[in-house]
PDB file of all heavy atoms in Angstrom:
ATOM      1  N   LYS A   1      17.415  -2.536 -15.487  1.00  0.00           N
ATOM      2  CA  LYS A   1      18.389  -1.829 -14.627  1.00  0.00           C
ATOM      3  C   LYS A   1      17.794  -1.428 -13.221  1.00  0.00           C
ATOM      4  O   LYS A   1      18.401  -0.987 -12.384  1.00  0.00           O
ATOM      5  CB  LYS A   1      18.950  -0.699 -15.322  1.00  0.00           C
ATOM      6  CG  LYS A   1      19.734  -1.157 -16.605  1.00  0.00           C
ATOM      7  CD  LYS A   1      20.275   0.112 -17.311  1.00  0.00           C
ATOM      8  CE  LYS A   1      20.777  -0.182 -18.694  1.00  0.00           C
ATOM      9  NZ  LYS A   1      21.744  -1.348 -18.730  1.00  0.00           N
ATOM     10  N   GLY A   2      16.395  -1.378 -13.230  1.00  0.00           N
ATOM     11  CA  GLY A   2      15.753  -0.970 -11.981  1.00  0.00           C
ATOM     12  C   GLY A   2      14.208  -0.829 -12.181  1.00  0.00           C
ATOM     13  O   GLY A   2      13.766  -1.268 -13.141  1.00  0.00           O
ATOM     14  N   HIS A   3      13.575  -0.087 -11.236  1.00  0.00           N
ATOM     15  CA  HIS A   3      12.137   0.007 -11.295  1.00  0.00           C
ATOM     16  C   HIS A   3      11.849   1.366 -12.124  1.00  0.00           C
ATOM     17  O   HIS A   3      12.538   2.317 -12.089  1.00  0.00           O
ATOM     18  CB  HIS A   3      11.656   0.151  -9.825  1.00  0.00           C
ATOM     19  CG  HIS A   3      11.798  -1.090  -9.047  1.00  0.00           C
ATOM     20  ND1 HIS A   3      11.283  -2.232  -9.310  1.00  0.00           N
ATOM     21  CD2 HIS A   3      12.575  -1.162  -7.899  1.00  0.00           C
ATOM     22  CE1 HIS A   3      11.672  -3.185  -8.499  1.00  0.00           C
ATOM     23  NE2 HIS A   3      12.460  -2.455  -7.503  1.00  0.00           N
ATOM     24  N   ILE A   4      10.737   1.244 -12.808  1.00  0.00           N
ATOM     25  CA  ILE A   4      10.270   2.451 -13.577  1.00  0.00           C
ATOM     26  C   ILE A   4       8.883   2.905 -13.038  1.00  0.00           C
ATOM     27  O   ILE A   4       8.104   2.299 -12.732  1.00  0.00           O
ATOM     28  CB  ILE A   4      10.068   2.094 -15.183  1.00  0.00           C
ATOM     29  CG1 ILE A   4      11.473   1.548 -15.763  1.00  0.00           C
ATOM     30  CG2 ILE A   4       9.444   3.140 -15.885  1.00  0.00           C
ATOM     31  CD1 ILE A   4      11.372   1.058 -17.094  1.00  0.00           C
ATOM     32  N   TYR A   5       8.864   4.254 -12.965  1.00  0.00           N
ATOM     33  CA  TYR A   5       7.660   4.898 -12.407  1.00  0.00           C
ATOM     34  C   TYR A   5       7.402   5.952 -13.359  1.00  0.00           C
ATOM     35  O   TYR A   5       8.224   6.658 -14.027  1.00  0.00           O
ATOM     36  CB  TYR A   5       7.796   5.370 -11.037  1.00  0.00           C
ATOM     37  CG  TYR A   5       8.133   4.398 -10.000  1.00  0.00           C
ATOM     38  CD1 TYR A   5       9.350   4.254  -9.544  1.00  0.00           C
ATOM     39  CD2 TYR A   5       7.062   3.612  -9.587  1.00  0.00           C
ATOM     40  CE1 TYR A   5       9.648   3.275  -8.479  1.00  0.00           C
ATOM     41  CE2 TYR A   5       7.286   2.639  -8.555  1.00  0.00           C
ATOM     42  CZ  TYR A   5       8.611   2.462  -8.031  1.00  0.00           C
ATOM     43  OH  TYR A   5       8.871   1.516  -7.082  1.00  0.00           O
ATOM     44  N   ILE A   6       6.122   6.234 -13.615  1.00  0.00           N
ATOM     45  CA  ILE A   6       5.662   7.356 -14.591  1.00  0.00           C
ATOM     46  C   ILE A   6       4.637   8.258 -13.842  1.00  0.00           C
ATOM     47  O   ILE A   6       3.671   7.715 -13.069  1.00  0.00           O
ATOM     48  CB  ILE A   6       4.958   6.654 -15.717  1.00  0.00           C
ATOM     49  CG1 ILE A   6       5.959   6.051 -16.709  1.00  0.00           C
ATOM     50  CG2 ILE A   6       4.218   7.916 -16.590  1.00  0.00           C
ATOM     51  CD1 ILE A   6       5.372   5.212 -17.854  1.00  0.00           C
ATOM     52  N   THR A   7       4.743   9.635 -14.029  1.00  0.00           N
ATOM     53  CA  THR A   7       3.824  10.466 -13.641  1.00  0.00           C
ATOM     54  C   THR A   7       3.390  11.134 -14.875  1.00  0.00           C
ATOM     55  O   THR A   7       4.189  11.498 -15.777  1.00  0.00           O
ATOM     56  CB  THR A   7       4.238  11.499 -12.536  1.00  0.00           C
ATOM     57  OG1 THR A   7       5.223  12.452 -13.116  1.00  0.00           O
ATOM     58  CG2 THR A   7       4.745  10.803 -11.389  1.00  0.00           C
ATOM     59  N   SER A   8       2.016  11.482 -15.048  1.00  0.00           N
ATOM     60  CA  SER A   8       1.547  11.935 -16.353  1.00  0.00           C
ATOM     61  C   SER A   8       0.468  12.781 -16.225  1.00  0.00           C
ATOM     62  O   SER A   8      -0.538  12.514 -15.560  1.00  0.00           O
ATOM     63  CB  SER A   8       1.223  10.783 -17.343  1.00  0.00           C
ATOM     64  OG  SER A   8       0.852  11.159 -18.557  1.00  0.00           O
ATOM     65  N   GLU A   9       0.401  13.910 -17.008  1.00  0.00           N
ATOM     66  CA  GLU A   9      -0.711  14.793 -17.218  1.00  0.00           C
ATOM     67  C   GLU A   9      -1.729  14.295 -18.184  1.00  0.00           C
ATOM     68  O   GLU A   9      -2.820  14.508 -18.221  1.00  0.00           O
ATOM     69  CB  GLU A   9      -0.360  16.209 -17.514  1.00  0.00           C
ATOM     70  CG  GLU A   9       0.265  17.007 -16.472  1.00  0.00           C
ATOM     71  CD  GLU A   9       0.819  18.377 -16.900  1.00  0.00           C
ATOM     72  OE1 GLU A   9       0.825  18.636 -18.095  1.00  0.00           O
ATOM     73  OE2 GLU A   9       1.167  19.166 -16.055  1.00  0.00           O
ATOM     74  N   ARG A  10      -1.120  13.501 -19.053  1.00  0.00           N
ATOM     75  CA  ARG A  10      -1.963  12.965 -20.215  1.00  0.00           C
ATOM     76  C   ARG A  10      -2.357  11.556 -19.974  1.00  0.00           C
ATOM     77  O   ARG A  10      -1.686  10.824 -19.202  1.00  0.00           O
ATOM     78  CB  ARG A  10      -1.232  13.127 -21.617  1.00  0.00           C
ATOM     79  CG  ARG A  10       0.082  12.335 -21.774  1.00  0.00           C
ATOM     80  CD  ARG A  10       0.792  12.586 -22.990  1.00  0.00           C
ATOM     81  NE  ARG A  10       1.763  11.644 -23.305  1.00  0.00           N
ATOM     82  CZ  ARG A  10       3.018  12.027 -23.649  1.00  0.00           C
ATOM     83  NH1 ARG A  10       3.378  13.256 -23.522  1.00  0.00           N
ATOM     84  NH2 ARG A  10       3.976  11.060 -23.902  1.00  0.00           N
ATOM     85  N   LYS A  11      -3.317  11.159 -20.732  1.00  0.00           N
ATOM     86  CA  LYS A  11      -3.802   9.697 -20.556  1.00  0.00           C
ATOM     87  C   LYS A  11      -2.695   8.690 -21.003  1.00  0.00           C
ATOM     88  O   LYS A  11      -2.215   8.979 -22.047  1.00  0.00           O
ATOM     89  CB  LYS A  11      -5.040   9.555 -21.355  1.00  0.00           C
ATOM     90  CG  LYS A  11      -5.627   8.027 -21.136  1.00  0.00           C
ATOM     91  CD  LYS A  11      -6.958   8.015 -21.879  1.00  0.00           C
ATOM     92  CE  LYS A  11      -7.725   6.615 -21.724  1.00  0.00           C
ATOM     93  NZ  LYS A  11      -8.896   6.412 -22.386  1.00  0.00           N
ATOM     94  N   LEU A  12      -2.413   7.636 -20.180  1.00  0.00           N
ATOM     95  CA  LEU A  12      -1.515   6.710 -20.555  1.00  0.00           C
ATOM     96  C   LEU A  12      -2.126   5.642 -21.317  1.00  0.00           C
ATOM     97  O   LEU A  12      -3.237   5.121 -21.130  1.00  0.00           O
ATOM     98  CB  LEU A  12      -0.786   6.190 -19.323  1.00  0.00           C
ATOM     99  CG  LEU A  12      -0.023   7.150 -18.415  1.00  0.00           C
ATOM    100  CD1 LEU A  12       0.470   6.336 -17.200  1.00  0.00           C
ATOM    101  CD2 LEU A  12       1.120   7.646 -19.194  1.00  0.00           C
ATOM    102  N   ASN A  13      -1.297   4.999 -22.332  1.00  0.00           N
ATOM    103  CA  ASN A  13      -1.764   3.646 -22.912  1.00  0.00           C
ATOM    104  C   ASN A  13      -1.882   2.596 -21.854  1.00  0.00           C
ATOM    105  O   ASN A  13      -1.184   2.675 -20.809  1.00  0.00           O
ATOM    106  CB  ASN A  13      -0.711   3.335 -23.853  1.00  0.00           C
ATOM    107  CG  ASN A  13      -0.607   4.330 -24.953  1.00  0.00           C
ATOM    108  OD1 ASN A  13      -1.558   5.042 -25.390  1.00  0.00           O
ATOM    109  ND2 ASN A  13       0.520   4.331 -25.702  1.00  0.00           N
ATOM    110  N   ASN A  14      -2.597   1.615 -22.136  1.00  0.00           N
ATOM    111  CA  ASN A  14      -2.964   0.547 -21.144  1.00  0.00           C
ATOM    112  C   ASN A  14      -1.640  -0.128 -20.753  1.00  0.00           C
ATOM    113  O   ASN A  14      -1.561  -0.438 -19.541  1.00  0.00           O
ATOM    114  CB  ASN A  14      -3.887  -0.432 -21.738  1.00  0.00           C
ATOM    115  CG  ASN A  14      -5.243   0.106 -21.918  1.00  0.00           C
ATOM    116  OD1 ASN A  14      -5.737   0.979 -21.166  1.00  0.00           O
ATOM    117  ND2 ASN A  14      -6.115  -0.458 -22.775  1.00  0.00           N
ATOM    118  N   ASN A  15      -0.693  -0.226 -21.651  1.00  0.00           N
ATOM    119  CA  ASN A  15       0.547  -0.980 -21.334  1.00  0.00           C
ATOM    120  C   ASN A  15       1.497  -0.190 -20.493  1.00  0.00           C
ATOM    121  O   ASN A  15       2.411  -0.602 -19.936  1.00  0.00           O
ATOM    122  CB  ASN A  15       1.323  -1.451 -22.632  1.00  0.00           C
ATOM    123  CG  ASN A  15       1.646  -0.311 -23.495  1.00  0.00           C
ATOM    124  OD1 ASN A  15       0.860   0.706 -23.601  1.00  0.00           O
ATOM    125  ND2 ASN A  15       2.803  -0.330 -24.151  1.00  0.00           N
ATOM    126  N   LEU A  16       1.122   1.199 -20.266  1.00  0.00           N
ATOM    127  CA  LEU A  16       2.052   2.053 -19.461  1.00  0.00           C
ATOM    128  C   LEU A  16       1.313   2.301 -18.153  1.00  0.00           C
ATOM    129  O   LEU A  16       2.091   2.761 -17.266  1.00  0.00           O
ATOM    130  CB  LEU A  16       2.186   3.318 -20.183  1.00  0.00           C
ATOM    131  CG  LEU A  16       3.059   3.357 -21.524  1.00  0.00           C
ATOM    132  CD1 LEU A  16       3.300   4.746 -22.157  1.00  0.00           C
ATOM    133  CD2 LEU A  16       4.494   2.701 -21.356  1.00  0.00           C
ATOM    134  N   GLU A  17       0.123   2.139 -18.001  1.00  0.00           N
ATOM    135  CA  GLU A  17      -0.579   2.379 -16.828  1.00  0.00           C
ATOM    136  C   GLU A  17      -0.029   1.587 -15.595  1.00  0.00           C
ATOM    137  O   GLU A  17      -0.019   2.190 -14.522  1.00  0.00           O
ATOM    138  CB  GLU A  17      -2.141   2.158 -16.926  1.00  0.00           C
ATOM    139  CG  GLU A  17      -2.983   2.535 -15.803  1.00  0.00           C
ATOM    140  CD  GLU A  17      -2.945   4.081 -15.733  1.00  0.00           C
ATOM    141  OE1 GLU A  17      -3.115   4.794 -16.865  1.00  0.00           O
ATOM    142  OE2 GLU A  17      -2.992   4.568 -14.653  1.00  0.00           O
ATOM    143  N   LYS A  18       0.491   0.542 -15.734  1.00  0.00           N
ATOM    144  CA  LYS A  18       1.028  -0.218 -14.643  1.00  0.00           C
ATOM    145  C   LYS A  18       2.271   0.381 -14.022  1.00  0.00           C
ATOM    146  O   LYS A  18       2.617   0.147 -12.861  1.00  0.00           O
ATOM    147  CB  LYS A  18       1.422  -1.663 -15.149  1.00  0.00           C
ATOM    148  CG  LYS A  18       2.617  -1.654 -16.121  1.00  0.00           C
ATOM    149  CD  LYS A  18       2.762  -3.070 -16.587  1.00  0.00           C
ATOM    150  CE  LYS A  18       3.851  -3.120 -17.679  1.00  0.00           C
ATOM    151  NZ  LYS A  18       4.160  -4.413 -18.211  1.00  0.00           N
ATOM    152  N   TYR A  19       2.837   1.390 -14.786  1.00  0.00           N
ATOM    153  CA  TYR A  19       4.070   2.094 -14.231  1.00  0.00           C
ATOM    154  C   TYR A  19       3.680   3.381 -13.469  1.00  0.00           C
ATOM    155  O   TYR A  19       4.494   4.010 -12.933  1.00  0.00           O
ATOM    156  CB  TYR A  19       5.031   2.366 -15.343  1.00  0.00           C
ATOM    157  CG  TYR A  19       5.561   1.268 -16.030  1.00  0.00           C
ATOM    158  CD1 TYR A  19       5.162   1.070 -17.504  1.00  0.00           C
ATOM    159  CD2 TYR A  19       6.550   0.478 -15.471  1.00  0.00           C
ATOM    160  CE1 TYR A  19       5.717  -0.091 -18.133  1.00  0.00           C
ATOM    161  CE2 TYR A  19       7.130  -0.627 -16.204  1.00  0.00           C
ATOM    162  CZ  TYR A  19       6.660  -0.892 -17.480  1.00  0.00           C
ATOM    163  OH  TYR A  19       7.188  -1.900 -18.211  1.00  0.00           O
ATOM    164  N   ARG A  20       2.377   3.716 -13.516  1.00  0.00           N
ATOM    165  CA  ARG A  20       2.010   5.059 -12.865  1.00  0.00           C
ATOM    166  C   ARG A  20       2.183   5.032 -11.421  1.00  0.00           C
ATOM    167  O   ARG A  20       1.920   4.055 -10.592  1.00  0.00           O
ATOM    168  CB  ARG A  20       0.445   5.311 -13.075  1.00  0.00           C
ATOM    169  CG  ARG A  20       0.033   6.661 -12.667  1.00  0.00           C
ATOM    170  CD  ARG A  20      -1.464   6.886 -12.762  1.00  0.00           C
ATOM    171  NE  ARG A  20      -1.897   6.940 -14.204  1.00  0.00           N
ATOM    172  CZ  ARG A  20      -1.859   8.043 -14.843  1.00  0.00           C
ATOM    173  NH1 ARG A  20      -1.435   9.249 -14.250  1.00  0.00           N
ATOM    174  NH2 ARG A  20      -2.404   8.045 -16.086  1.00  0.00           N
ATOM    175  N   LEU A  21       2.973   6.124 -10.951  1.00  0.00           N
ATOM    176  CA  LEU A  21       3.227   6.301  -9.539  1.00  0.00           C
ATOM    177  C   LEU A  21       2.093   6.985  -8.847  1.00  0.00           C
ATOM    178  O   LEU A  21       1.668   8.124  -9.169  1.00  0.00           O
ATOM    179  CB  LEU A  21       4.553   7.058  -9.410  1.00  0.00           C
ATOM    180  CG  LEU A  21       4.992   7.353  -7.938  1.00  0.00           C
ATOM    181  CD1 LEU A  21       5.354   6.121  -7.245  1.00  0.00           C
ATOM    182  CD2 LEU A  21       6.237   8.311  -8.031  1.00  0.00           C
ATOM    183  N   LEU A  22       1.578   6.317  -7.702  1.00  0.00           N
ATOM    184  CA  LEU A  22       0.590   7.029  -6.870  1.00  0.00           C
ATOM    185  C   LEU A  22       1.186   7.462  -5.711  1.00  0.00           C
ATOM    186  O   LEU A  22       1.486   6.581  -4.765  1.00  0.00           O
ATOM    187  CB  LEU A  22      -0.615   5.949  -6.653  1.00  0.00           C
ATOM    188  CG  LEU A  22      -1.270   5.500  -8.009  1.00  0.00           C
ATOM    189  CD1 LEU A  22      -2.342   4.387  -7.550  1.00  0.00           C
ATOM    190  CD2 LEU A  22      -2.019   6.541  -8.643  1.00  0.00           C
ATOM    191  N   VAL A  23       1.395   8.755  -5.536  1.00  0.00           N
ATOM    192  CA  VAL A  23       2.138   9.332  -4.347  1.00  0.00           C
ATOM    193  C   VAL A  23       1.488  10.598  -4.041  1.00  0.00           C
ATOM    194  O   VAL A  23       0.906  11.357  -5.011  1.00  0.00           O
ATOM    195  CB  VAL A  23       3.580   9.470  -4.754  1.00  0.00           C
ATOM    196  CG1 VAL A  23       3.865  10.496  -5.892  1.00  0.00           C
ATOM    197  CG2 VAL A  23       4.451   9.871  -3.495  1.00  0.00           C
ATOM    198  N   PRO A  24       1.380  11.050  -2.839  1.00  0.00           N
ATOM    199  CA  PRO A  24       0.851  12.484  -2.427  1.00  0.00           C
ATOM    200  C   PRO A  24       1.503  13.517  -3.423  1.00  0.00           C
ATOM    201  O   PRO A  24       2.698  13.592  -3.602  1.00  0.00           O
ATOM    202  CB  PRO A  24       1.194  12.600  -0.987  1.00  0.00           C
ATOM    203  CG  PRO A  24       1.185  11.217  -0.450  1.00  0.00           C
ATOM    204  CD  PRO A  24       1.885  10.404  -1.528  1.00  0.00           C
ATOM    205  N   LEU A  25       0.729  14.333  -3.889  1.00  0.00           N
ATOM    206  CA  LEU A  25       1.196  15.349  -4.753  1.00  0.00           C
ATOM    207  C   LEU A  25       2.274  16.272  -4.255  1.00  0.00           C
ATOM    208  O   LEU A  25       3.221  16.638  -5.002  1.00  0.00           O
ATOM    209  CB  LEU A  25       0.102  16.267  -5.320  1.00  0.00           C
ATOM    210  CG  LEU A  25      -1.121  15.530  -5.980  1.00  0.00           C
ATOM    211  CD1 LEU A  25      -2.264  16.361  -6.235  1.00  0.00           C
ATOM    212  CD2 LEU A  25      -0.649  14.924  -7.202  1.00  0.00           C
ATOM    213  N   SER A  26       2.155  16.574  -2.942  1.00  0.00           N
ATOM    214  CA  SER A  26       3.178  17.441  -2.333  1.00  0.00           C
ATOM    215  C   SER A  26       4.459  16.737  -2.103  1.00  0.00           C
ATOM    216  O   SER A  26       5.412  17.374  -1.701  1.00  0.00           O
ATOM    217  CB  SER A  26       2.593  17.968  -0.994  1.00  0.00           C
ATOM    218  OG  SER A  26       2.185  16.820  -0.162  1.00  0.00           O
ATOM    219  N   ASP A  27       4.645  15.405  -2.349  1.00  0.00           N
ATOM    220  CA  ASP A  27       5.896  14.673  -2.092  1.00  0.00           C
ATOM    221  C   ASP A  27       6.750  14.438  -3.410  1.00  0.00           C
ATOM    222  O   ASP A  27       7.548  13.837  -3.338  1.00  0.00           O
ATOM    223  CB  ASP A  27       5.502  13.333  -1.451  1.00  0.00           C
ATOM    224  CG  ASP A  27       5.187  13.461  -0.008  1.00  0.00           C
ATOM    225  OD1 ASP A  27       5.512  14.454   0.628  1.00  0.00           O
ATOM    226  OD2 ASP A  27       4.485  12.516   0.551  1.00  0.00           O
ATOM    227  N   ILE A  28       6.192  15.029  -4.515  1.00  0.00           N
ATOM    228  CA  ILE A  28       6.824  14.720  -5.774  1.00  0.00           C
ATOM    229  C   ILE A  28       8.346  15.027  -5.883  1.00  0.00           C
ATOM    230  O   ILE A  28       9.071  14.388  -6.503  1.00  0.00           O
ATOM    231  CB  ILE A  28       6.077  15.241  -6.959  1.00  0.00           C
ATOM    232  CG1 ILE A  28       6.548  14.687  -8.354  1.00  0.00           C
ATOM    233  CG2 ILE A  28       6.069  16.767  -6.927  1.00  0.00           C
ATOM    234  CD1 ILE A  28       6.349  13.188  -8.484  1.00  0.00           C
ATOM    235  N   HIS A  29       8.642  16.271  -5.194  1.00  0.00           N
ATOM    236  CA  HIS A  29      10.024  16.602  -5.232  1.00  0.00           C
ATOM    237  C   HIS A  29      11.043  15.679  -4.329  1.00  0.00           C
ATOM    238  O   HIS A  29      12.071  15.550  -4.759  1.00  0.00           O
ATOM    239  CB  HIS A  29      10.221  18.034  -4.745  1.00  0.00           C
ATOM    240  CG  HIS A  29       9.529  19.090  -5.591  1.00  0.00           C
ATOM    241  ND1 HIS A  29       8.357  19.751  -5.216  1.00  0.00           N
ATOM    242  CD2 HIS A  29       9.700  19.432  -6.884  1.00  0.00           C
ATOM    243  CE1 HIS A  29       7.896  20.570  -6.180  1.00  0.00           C
ATOM    244  NE2 HIS A  29       8.743  20.328  -7.254  1.00  0.00           N
TER     245      HIS A  29
END
């Protein structure tokens, strides 16, 4: 249905790492 992005404080499994969002911390809102 669309794109998936993940932000995480904990370590991600290898199969989830590809979804990690890299964005400036101050822009999260």
